[in-house]
Amino acid sequence: MQIYGPSQVHSPQNVNAPTASNRLQGNAGTQGTAASRSVDRVEISPAAQAASQAAESGGIRHELVNQIRSQIAAGTYETPEKLDAALTRLLDEIG
């Protein structure tokens, strides 16, 4: 493909269907023996399992969420102690 710039417009090009040999090669893998077929497998991480269990159990503590929301709205949620703890955890995770 050659690009000559925005001043030249080329005519549309044909779109060709796949050739017969490509279609035959695509079906060759489906006709193999059971030993040559690959098996799909799903692995769920521990974090995903924990998130799934929390969602299923309804583990949201609404009283705590409402308490934190009211503290944020009042401007009393962020304390120097909480910020220091968050910074320490962040630095531990990074380093």
PDB file of N, CA and C in Angstrom:
ATOM      1  N   MET A   1       0.847  -1.173   0.000  1.00  0.00           N
ATOM      2  CA  MET A   1       0.000   0.000   0.000  1.00  0.00           C
ATOM      3  C   MET A   1       0.885   1.226   0.000  1.00  0.00           C
ATOM      4  N   GLN A   2       0.565   2.151  -0.864  1.00  0.00           N
ATOM      5  CA  GLN A   2       1.318   3.391  -0.923  1.00  0.00           C
ATOM      6  C   GLN A   2       0.395   4.541  -0.542  1.00  0.00           C
ATOM      7  N   ILE A   3       0.928   5.449   0.268  1.00  0.00           N
ATOM      8  CA  ILE A   3       0.159   6.622   0.680  1.00  0.00           C
ATOM      9  C   ILE A   3       0.839   7.839   0.074  1.00  0.00           C
ATOM     10  N   TYR A   4       0.084   8.584  -0.729  1.00  0.00           N
ATOM     11  CA  TYR A   4       0.648   9.743  -1.420  1.00  0.00           C
ATOM     12  C   TYR A   4       0.237  11.056  -0.776  1.00  0.00           C
ATOM     13  N   GLY A   5      -0.566  11.041   0.240  1.00  0.00           N
ATOM     14  CA  GLY A   5      -0.985  12.271   0.889  1.00  0.00           C
ATOM     15  C   GLY A   5      -2.478  12.486   0.756  1.00  0.00           C
ATOM     16  N   PRO A   6      -2.998  13.542   1.382  1.00  0.00           N
ATOM     17  CA  PRO A   6      -4.441  13.768   1.397  1.00  0.00           C
ATOM     18  C   PRO A   6      -4.992  14.291   0.075  1.00  0.00           C
ATOM     19  N   SER A   7      -4.125  14.701  -0.831  1.00  0.00           N
ATOM     20  CA  SER A   7      -4.630  15.291  -2.076  1.00  0.00           C
ATOM     21  C   SER A   7      -5.041  14.242  -3.102  1.00  0.00           C
ATOM     22  N   GLN A   8      -4.552  13.022  -2.979  1.00  0.00           N
ATOM     23  CA  GLN A   8      -4.885  11.988  -3.951  1.00  0.00           C
ATOM     24  C   GLN A   8      -5.854  10.985  -3.339  1.00  0.00           C
ATOM     25  N   VAL A   9      -6.945  10.769  -4.029  1.00  0.00           N
ATOM     26  CA  VAL A   9      -7.944   9.814  -3.570  1.00  0.00           C
ATOM     27  C   VAL A   9      -7.930   8.642  -4.527  1.00  0.00           C
ATOM     28  N   HIS A  10      -7.826   7.451  -3.990  1.00  0.00           N
ATOM     29  CA  HIS A  10      -7.776   6.255  -4.816  1.00  0.00           C
ATOM     30  C   HIS A  10      -9.145   5.615  -4.879  1.00  0.00           C
ATOM     31  N   SER A  11      -9.350   4.835  -5.895  1.00  0.00           N
ATOM     32  CA  SER A  11     -10.630   4.157  -6.056  1.00  0.00           C
ATOM     33  C   SER A  11     -10.750   3.034  -5.034  1.00  0.00           C
ATOM     34  N   PRO A  12     -11.967   2.603  -4.746  1.00  0.00           N
ATOM     35  CA  PRO A  12     -12.147   1.510  -3.782  1.00  0.00           C
ATOM     36  C   PRO A  12     -11.524   0.218  -4.294  1.00  0.00           C
ATOM     37  N   GLN A  13     -11.096  -0.604  -3.390  1.00  0.00           N
ATOM     38  CA  GLN A  13     -10.465  -1.875  -3.724  1.00  0.00           C
ATOM     39  C   GLN A  13     -11.438  -3.010  -3.433  1.00  0.00           C
ATOM     40  N   ASN A  14     -11.323  -4.087  -4.186  1.00  0.00           N
ATOM     41  CA  ASN A  14     -12.166  -5.257  -3.972  1.00  0.00           C
ATOM     42  C   ASN A  14     -11.781  -5.971  -2.689  1.00  0.00           C
ATOM     43  N   VAL A  15     -12.778  -6.551  -2.058  1.00  0.00           N
ATOM     44  CA  VAL A  15     -12.543  -7.392  -0.895  1.00  0.00           C
ATOM     45  C   VAL A  15     -12.803  -8.817  -1.331  1.00  0.00           C
ATOM     46  N   ASN A  16     -11.788  -9.650  -1.229  1.00  0.00           N
ATOM     47  CA  ASN A  16     -11.902 -11.031  -1.681  1.00  0.00           C
ATOM     48  C   ASN A  16     -12.174 -11.955  -0.502  1.00  0.00           C
ATOM     49  N   ALA A  17     -12.974 -12.961  -0.740  1.00  0.00           N
ATOM     50  CA  ALA A  17     -13.252 -13.973   0.272  1.00  0.00           C
ATOM     51  C   ALA A  17     -12.013 -14.835   0.466  1.00  0.00           C
ATOM     52  N   PRO A  18     -11.891 -15.511   1.602  1.00  0.00           N
ATOM     53  CA  PRO A  18     -10.742 -16.394   1.804  1.00  0.00           C
ATOM     54  C   PRO A  18     -10.713 -17.488   0.752  1.00  0.00           C
ATOM     55  N   THR A  19      -9.521 -17.895   0.413  1.00  0.00           N
ATOM     56  CA  THR A  19      -9.393 -18.949  -0.596  1.00  0.00           C
ATOM     57  C   THR A  19      -9.758 -20.291   0.012  1.00  0.00           C
ATOM     58  N   ALA A  20     -10.016 -21.265  -0.827  1.00  0.00           N
ATOM     59  CA  ALA A  20     -10.423 -22.593  -0.368  1.00  0.00           C
ATOM     60  C   ALA A  20      -9.343 -23.236   0.475  1.00  0.00           C
ATOM     61  N   SER A  21      -8.070 -23.029   0.146  1.00  0.00           N
ATOM     62  CA  SER A  21      -6.994 -23.670   0.902  1.00  0.00           C
ATOM     63  C   SER A  21      -6.954 -23.144   2.332  1.00  0.00           C
ATOM     64  N   ASN A  22      -7.257 -21.854   2.556  1.00  0.00           N
ATOM     65  CA  ASN A  22      -7.283 -21.303   3.905  1.00  0.00           C
ATOM     66  C   ASN A  22      -8.423 -21.903   4.713  1.00  0.00           C
ATOM     67  N   ARG A  23      -9.563 -22.098   4.091  1.00  0.00           N
ATOM     68  CA  ARG A  23     -10.700 -22.681   4.796  1.00  0.00           C
ATOM     69  C   ARG A  23     -10.437 -24.135   5.164  1.00  0.00           C
ATOM     70  N   LEU A  24      -9.746 -24.869   4.301  1.00  0.00           N
ATOM     71  CA  LEU A  24      -9.440 -26.259   4.605  1.00  0.00           C
ATOM     72  C   LEU A  24      -8.448 -26.361   5.750  1.00  0.00           C
ATOM     73  N   GLN A  25      -7.473 -25.467   5.778  1.00  0.00           N
ATOM     74  CA  GLN A  25      -6.501 -25.484   6.862  1.00  0.00           C
ATOM     75  C   GLN A  25      -7.167 -25.157   8.189  1.00  0.00           C
ATOM     76  N   GLY A  26      -8.144 -24.258   8.194  1.00  0.00           N
ATOM     77  CA  GLY A  26      -8.841 -23.897   9.423  1.00  0.00           C
ATOM     78  C   GLY A  26      -9.628 -25.046   9.986  1.00  0.00           C
ATOM     79  N   ASN A  27     -10.154 -25.946   9.142  1.00  0.00           N
ATOM     80  CA  ASN A  27     -10.947 -27.077   9.609  1.00  0.00           C
ATOM     81  C   ASN A  27     -10.085 -28.271   9.978  1.00  0.00           C
ATOM     82  N   ALA A  28      -8.813 -28.266   9.585  1.00  0.00           N
ATOM     83  CA  ALA A  28      -7.963 -29.423   9.835  1.00  0.00           C
ATOM     84  C   ALA A  28      -7.790 -29.661  11.329  1.00  0.00           C
ATOM     85  N   GLY A  29      -7.723 -28.615  12.132  1.00  0.00           N
ATOM     86  CA  GLY A  29      -7.534 -28.774  13.570  1.00  0.00           C
ATOM     87  C   GLY A  29      -8.742 -29.359  14.255  1.00  0.00           C
ATOM     88  N   THR A  30      -9.930 -29.188  13.694  1.00  0.00           N
ATOM     89  CA  THR A  30     -11.129 -29.699  14.344  1.00  0.00           C
ATOM     90  C   THR A  30     -11.346 -31.171  14.060  1.00  0.00           C
ATOM     91  N   GLN A  31     -10.598 -31.733  13.107  1.00  0.00           N
ATOM     92  CA  GLN A  31     -10.795 -33.128  12.762  1.00  0.00           C
ATOM     93  C   GLN A  31      -9.707 -34.023  13.342  1.00  0.00           C
ATOM     94  N   GLY A  32      -8.866 -33.471  14.235  1.00  0.00           N
ATOM     95  CA  GLY A  32      -7.778 -34.259  14.807  1.00  0.00           C
ATOM     96  C   GLY A  32      -8.287 -35.232  15.843  1.00  0.00           C
ATOM     97  N   THR A  33      -7.374 -36.038  16.356  1.00  0.00           N
ATOM     98  CA  THR A  33      -7.746 -37.012  17.376  1.00  0.00           C
ATOM     99  C   THR A  33      -7.949 -36.304  18.705  1.00  0.00           C
ATOM    100  N   ALA A  34      -8.534 -37.003  19.633  1.00  0.00           N
ATOM    101  CA  ALA A  34      -8.816 -36.420  20.945  1.00  0.00           C
ATOM    102  C   ALA A  34      -7.513 -36.061  21.661  1.00  0.00           C
ATOM    103  N   ALA A  35      -6.445 -36.816  21.431  1.00  0.00           N
ATOM    104  CA  ALA A  35      -5.172 -36.558  22.095  1.00  0.00           C
ATOM    105  C   ALA A  35      -4.527 -35.270  21.589  1.00  0.00           C
ATOM    106  N   SER A  36      -4.780 -34.892  20.342  1.00  0.00           N
ATOM    107  CA  SER A  36      -4.136 -33.712  19.786  1.00  0.00           C
ATOM    108  C   SER A  36      -4.931 -32.438  20.035  1.00  0.00           C
ATOM    109  N   ARG A  37      -6.144 -32.537  20.536  1.00  0.00           N
ATOM    110  CA  ARG A  37      -6.956 -31.350  20.808  1.00  0.00           C
ATOM    111  C   ARG A  37      -6.513 -30.693  22.107  1.00  0.00           C
ATOM    112  N   SER A  38      -6.556 -29.372  22.125  1.00  0.00           N
ATOM    113  CA  SER A  38      -6.220 -28.670  23.356  1.00  0.00           C
ATOM    114  C   SER A  38      -7.467 -28.567  24.228  1.00  0.00           C
ATOM    115  N   VAL A  39      -7.242 -28.466  25.513  1.00  0.00           N
ATOM    116  CA  VAL A  39      -8.332 -28.393  26.472  1.00  0.00           C
ATOM    117  C   VAL A  39      -8.317 -27.000  27.080  1.00  0.00           C
ATOM    118  N   ASP A  40      -9.478 -26.350  27.095  1.00  0.00           N
ATOM    119  CA  ASP A  40      -9.583 -25.041  27.719  1.00  0.00           C
ATOM    120  C   ASP A  40      -9.608 -25.202  29.230  1.00  0.00           C
ATOM    121  N   ARG A  41      -9.019 -24.223  29.911  1.00  0.00           N
ATOM    122  CA  ARG A  41      -8.949 -24.283  31.362  1.00  0.00           C
ATOM    123  C   ARG A  41      -9.101 -22.874  31.908  1.00  0.00           C
ATOM    124  N   VAL A  42      -9.799 -22.738  33.012  1.00  0.00           N
ATOM    125  CA  VAL A  42     -10.000 -21.454  33.661  1.00  0.00           C
ATOM    126  C   VAL A  42      -9.386 -21.517  35.038  1.00  0.00           C
ATOM    127  N   GLU A  43      -8.576 -20.514  35.363  1.00  0.00           N
ATOM    128  CA  GLU A  43      -7.996 -20.410  36.697  1.00  0.00           C
ATOM    129  C   GLU A  43      -8.469 -19.104  37.302  1.00  0.00           C
ATOM    130  N   ILE A  44      -9.066 -19.187  38.486  1.00  0.00           N
ATOM    131  CA  ILE A  44      -9.594 -17.997  39.161  1.00  0.00           C
ATOM    132  C   ILE A  44      -8.636 -17.643  40.290  1.00  0.00           C
ATOM    133  N   SER A  45      -8.181 -16.403  40.298  1.00  0.00           N
ATOM    134  CA  SER A  45      -7.219 -15.965  41.295  1.00  0.00           C
ATOM    135  C   SER A  45      -7.883 -15.899  42.676  1.00  0.00           C
ATOM    136  N   PRO A  46      -7.081 -15.970  43.718  1.00  0.00           N
ATOM    137  CA  PRO A  46      -7.640 -15.851  45.073  1.00  0.00           C
ATOM    138  C   PRO A  46      -8.360 -14.520  45.291  1.00  0.00           C
ATOM    139  N   ALA A  47      -7.849 -13.443  44.700  1.00  0.00           N
ATOM    140  CA  ALA A  47      -8.502 -12.148  44.847  1.00  0.00           C
ATOM    141  C   ALA A  47      -9.876 -12.151  44.182  1.00  0.00           C
ATOM    142  N   ALA A  48      -9.982 -12.787  43.024  1.00  0.00           N
ATOM    143  CA  ALA A  48     -11.269 -12.872  42.340  1.00  0.00           C
ATOM    144  C   ALA A  48     -12.239 -13.743  43.122  1.00  0.00           C
ATOM    145  N   GLN A  49     -11.731 -14.811  43.737  1.00  0.00           N
ATOM    146  CA  GLN A  49     -12.587 -15.662  44.554  1.00  0.00           C
ATOM    147  C   GLN A  49     -13.119 -14.899  45.760  1.00  0.00           C
ATOM    148  N   ALA A  50     -12.264 -14.114  46.396  1.00  0.00           N
ATOM    149  CA  ALA A  50     -12.689 -13.326  47.550  1.00  0.00           C
ATOM    150  C   ALA A  50     -13.725 -12.286  47.152  1.00  0.00           C
ATOM    151  N   ALA A  51     -13.511 -11.650  45.996  1.00  0.00           N
ATOM    152  CA  ALA A  51     -14.474 -10.649  45.517  1.00  0.00           C
ATOM    153  C   ALA A  51     -15.812 -11.300  45.201  1.00  0.00           C
ATOM    154  N   SER A  52     -15.778 -12.479  44.631  1.00  0.00           N
ATOM    155  CA  SER A  52     -17.011 -13.188  44.314  1.00  0.00           C
ATOM    156  C   SER A  52     -17.762 -13.572  45.587  1.00  0.00           C
ATOM    157  N   GLN A  53     -17.035 -14.057  46.579  1.00  0.00           N
ATOM    158  CA  GLN A  53     -17.673 -14.435  47.839  1.00  0.00           C
ATOM    159  C   GLN A  53     -18.260 -13.225  48.550  1.00  0.00           C
ATOM    160  N   ALA A  54     -17.559 -12.098  48.498  1.00  0.00           N
ATOM    161  CA  ALA A  54     -18.076 -10.890  49.139  1.00  0.00           C
ATOM    162  C   ALA A  54     -19.341 -10.410  48.445  1.00  0.00           C
ATOM    163  N   ALA A  55     -19.372 -10.513  47.124  1.00  0.00           N
ATOM    164  CA  ALA A  55     -20.562 -10.087  46.379  1.00  0.00           C
ATOM    165  C   ALA A  55     -21.747 -11.001  46.660  1.00  0.00           C
ATOM    166  N   GLU A  56     -21.477 -12.303  46.788  1.00  0.00           N
ATOM    167  CA  GLU A  56     -22.546 -13.265  47.032  1.00  0.00           C
ATOM    168  C   GLU A  56     -23.087 -13.175  48.452  1.00  0.00           C
ATOM    169  N   SER A  57     -22.207 -12.884  49.405  1.00  0.00           N
ATOM    170  CA  SER A  57     -22.641 -12.870  50.795  1.00  0.00           C
ATOM    171  C   SER A  57     -23.270 -11.543  51.200  1.00  0.00           C
ATOM    172  N   GLY A  58     -23.201 -10.547  50.317  1.00  0.00           N
ATOM    173  CA  GLY A  58     -23.738  -9.236  50.678  1.00  0.00           C
ATOM    174  C   GLY A  58     -22.907  -8.622  51.790  1.00  0.00           C
ATOM    175  N   GLY A  59     -21.583  -8.766  51.695  1.00  0.00           N
ATOM    176  CA  GLY A  59     -20.660  -8.347  52.739  1.00  0.00           C
ATOM    177  C   GLY A  59     -20.504  -6.846  52.886  1.00  0.00           C
ATOM    178  N   ILE A  60     -21.398  -6.069  52.366  1.00  0.00           N
ATOM    179  CA  ILE A  60     -21.296  -4.614  52.505  1.00  0.00           C
ATOM    180  C   ILE A  60     -21.870  -4.231  53.863  1.00  0.00           C
ATOM    181  N   ARG A  61     -21.046  -3.563  54.640  1.00  0.00           N
ATOM    182  CA  ARG A  61     -21.510  -3.107  55.954  1.00  0.00           C
ATOM    183  C   ARG A  61     -22.057  -1.694  55.788  1.00  0.00           C
ATOM    184  N   HIS A  62     -23.354  -1.605  55.565  1.00  0.00           N
ATOM    185  CA  HIS A  62     -23.992  -0.338  55.241  1.00  0.00           C
ATOM    186  C   HIS A  62     -23.826   0.704  56.344  1.00  0.00           C
ATOM    187  N   GLU A  63     -23.831   0.266  57.601  1.00  0.00           N
ATOM    188  CA  GLU A  63     -23.657   1.228  58.704  1.00  0.00           C
ATOM    189  C   GLU A  63     -22.283   1.891  58.617  1.00  0.00           C
ATOM    190  N   LEU A  64     -21.263   1.083  58.350  1.00  0.00           N
ATOM    191  CA  LEU A  64     -19.905   1.614  58.247  1.00  0.00           C
ATOM    192  C   LEU A  64     -19.767   2.534  57.036  1.00  0.00           C
ATOM    193  N   VAL A  65     -20.361   2.135  55.914  1.00  0.00           N
ATOM    194  CA  VAL A  65     -20.308   2.973  54.708  1.00  0.00           C
ATOM    195  C   VAL A  65     -20.970   4.318  54.975  1.00  0.00           C
ATOM    196  N   ASN A  66     -22.113   4.307  55.609  1.00  0.00           N
ATOM    197  CA  ASN A  66     -22.810   5.567  55.912  1.00  0.00           C
ATOM    198  C   ASN A  66     -22.019   6.422  56.890  1.00  0.00           C
ATOM    199  N   GLN A  67     -21.368   5.784  57.865  1.00  0.00           N
ATOM    200  CA  GLN A  67     -20.548   6.524  58.827  1.00  0.00           C
ATOM    201  C   GLN A  67     -19.377   7.206  58.121  1.00  0.00           C
ATOM    202  N   ILE A  68     -18.708   6.476  57.232  1.00  0.00           N
ATOM    203  CA  ILE A  68     -17.561   7.045  56.514  1.00  0.00           C
ATOM    204  C   ILE A  68     -18.022   8.151  55.576  1.00  0.00           C
ATOM    205  N   ARG A  69     -19.150   7.963  54.910  1.00  0.00           N
ATOM    206  CA  ARG A  69     -19.677   9.020  54.034  1.00  0.00           C
ATOM    207  C   ARG A  69     -19.955  10.295  54.821  1.00  0.00           C
ATOM    208  N   SER A  70     -20.516  10.161  55.992  1.00  0.00           N
ATOM    209  CA  SER A  70     -20.813  11.362  56.788  1.00  0.00           C
ATOM    210  C   SER A  70     -19.527  12.026  57.267  1.00  0.00           C
ATOM    211  N   GLN A  71     -18.501  11.218  57.607  1.00  0.00           N
ATOM    212  CA  GLN A  71     -17.216  11.797  58.005  1.00  0.00           C
ATOM    213  C   GLN A  71     -16.557  12.537  56.846  1.00  0.00           C
ATOM    214  N   ILE A  72     -16.649  11.963  55.644  1.00  0.00           N
ATOM    215  CA  ILE A  72     -16.077  12.631  54.470  1.00  0.00           C
ATOM    216  C   ILE A  72     -16.801  13.936  54.205  1.00  0.00           C
ATOM    217  N   ALA A  73     -18.125  13.917  54.284  1.00  0.00           N
ATOM    218  CA  ALA A  73     -18.913  15.128  54.048  1.00  0.00           C
ATOM    219  C   ALA A  73     -18.603  16.199  55.087  1.00  0.00           C
ATOM    220  N   ALA A  74     -18.328  15.791  56.333  1.00  0.00           N
ATOM    221  CA  ALA A  74     -18.029  16.752  57.400  1.00  0.00           C
ATOM    222  C   ALA A  74     -16.572  17.195  57.375  1.00  0.00           C
ATOM    223  N   GLY A  75     -15.733  16.512  56.580  1.00  0.00           N
ATOM    224  CA  GLY A  75     -14.322  16.868  56.497  1.00  0.00           C
ATOM    225  C   GLY A  75     -13.496  16.325  57.640  1.00  0.00           C
ATOM    226  N   THR A  76     -14.002  15.327  58.345  1.00  0.00           N
ATOM    227  CA  THR A  76     -13.279  14.774  59.490  1.00  0.00           C
ATOM    228  C   THR A  76     -12.700  13.390  59.219  1.00  0.00           C
ATOM    229  N   TYR A  77     -12.853  12.871  58.033  1.00  0.00           N
ATOM    230  CA  TYR A  77     -12.388  11.509  57.743  1.00  0.00           C
ATOM    231  C   TYR A  77     -10.875  11.437  57.613  1.00  0.00           C
ATOM    232  N   GLU A  78     -10.292  12.373  56.898  1.00  0.00           N
ATOM    233  CA  GLU A  78      -8.847  12.344  56.682  1.00  0.00           C
ATOM    234  C   GLU A  78      -8.136  12.947  57.884  1.00  0.00           C
ATOM    235  N   THR A  79      -7.452  12.084  58.620  1.00  0.00           N
ATOM    236  CA  THR A  79      -6.662  12.529  59.759  1.00  0.00           C
ATOM    237  C   THR A  79      -5.192  12.282  59.446  1.00  0.00           C
ATOM    238  N   PRO A  80      -4.292  12.965  60.144  1.00  0.00           N
ATOM    239  CA  PRO A  80      -2.865  12.723  59.907  1.00  0.00           C
ATOM    240  C   PRO A  80      -2.470  11.257  60.131  1.00  0.00           C
ATOM    241  N   GLU A  81      -3.095  10.601  61.090  1.00  0.00           N
ATOM    242  CA  GLU A  81      -2.782   9.191  61.354  1.00  0.00           C
ATOM    243  C   GLU A  81      -3.181   8.307  60.172  1.00  0.00           C
ATOM    244  N   LYS A  82      -4.365   8.548  59.621  1.00  0.00           N
ATOM    245  CA  LYS A  82      -4.831   7.749  58.479  1.00  0.00           C
ATOM    246  C   LYS A  82      -3.969   8.001  57.248  1.00  0.00           C
ATOM    247  N   LEU A  83      -3.585   9.264  57.037  1.00  0.00           N
ATOM    248  CA  LEU A  83      -2.731   9.584  55.892  1.00  0.00           C
ATOM    249  C   LEU A  83      -1.359   8.945  56.046  1.00  0.00           C
ATOM    250  N   ASP A  84      -0.795   8.947  57.262  1.00  0.00           N
ATOM    251  CA  ASP A  84       0.492   8.296  57.499  1.00  0.00           C
ATOM    252  C   ASP A  84       0.401   6.794  57.249  1.00  0.00           C
ATOM    253  N   ALA A  85      -0.685   6.175  57.709  1.00  0.00           N
ATOM    254  CA  ALA A  85      -0.856   4.738  57.497  1.00  0.00           C
ATOM    255  C   ALA A  85      -0.984   4.430  56.008  1.00  0.00           C
ATOM    256  N   ALA A  86      -1.736   5.241  55.288  1.00  0.00           N
ATOM    257  CA  ALA A  86      -1.900   5.019  53.847  1.00  0.00           C
ATOM    258  C   ALA A  86      -0.569   5.197  53.122  1.00  0.00           C
ATOM    259  N   LEU A  87       0.196   6.214  53.509  1.00  0.00           N
ATOM    260  CA  LEU A  87       1.497   6.449  52.882  1.00  0.00           C
ATOM    261  C   LEU A  87       2.458   5.300  53.179  1.00  0.00           C
ATOM    262  N   THR A  88       2.451   4.810  54.410  1.00  0.00           N
ATOM    263  CA  THR A  88       3.309   3.683  54.774  1.00  0.00           C
ATOM    264  C   THR A  88       2.953   2.441  53.958  1.00  0.00           C
ATOM    265  N   ARG A  89       1.661   2.157  53.819  1.00  0.00           N
ATOM    266  CA  ARG A  89       1.238   0.992  53.025  1.00  0.00           C
ATOM    267  C   ARG A  89       1.629   1.150  51.558  1.00  0.00           C
ATOM    268  N   LEU A  90       1.479   2.369  51.032  1.00  0.00           N
ATOM    269  CA  LEU A  90       1.845   2.613  49.638  1.00  0.00           C
ATOM    270  C   LEU A  90       3.340   2.399  49.435  1.00  0.00           C
ATOM    271  N   LEU A  91       4.159   2.934  50.339  1.00  0.00           N
ATOM    272  CA  LEU A  91       5.610   2.771  50.211  1.00  0.00           C
ATOM    273  C   LEU A  91       6.019   1.318  50.386  1.00  0.00           C
ATOM    274  N   ASP A  92       5.342   0.577  51.277  1.00  0.00           N
ATOM    275  CA  ASP A  92       5.633  -0.853  51.429  1.00  0.00           C
ATOM    276  C   ASP A  92       5.303  -1.612  50.149  1.00  0.00           C
ATOM    277  N   GLU A  93       4.213  -1.238  49.526  1.00  0.00           N
ATOM    278  CA  GLU A  93       3.801  -1.927  48.289  1.00  0.00           C
ATOM    279  C   GLU A  93       4.749  -1.610  47.132  1.00  0.00           C
ATOM    280  N   ILE A  94       5.180  -0.372  47.036  1.00  0.00           N
ATOM    281  CA  ILE A  94       6.070   0.046  45.961  1.00  0.00           C
ATOM    282  C   ILE A  94       7.473  -0.533  46.154  1.00  0.00           C
ATOM    283  N   GLY A  95       7.981  -0.433  47.363  1.00  0.00           N
ATOM    284  CA  GLY A  95       9.371  -0.814  47.594  1.00  0.00           C
ATOM    285  C   GLY A  95       9.465  -2.141  48.173  1.00  0.00           C
TER     286      GLY A  95
END
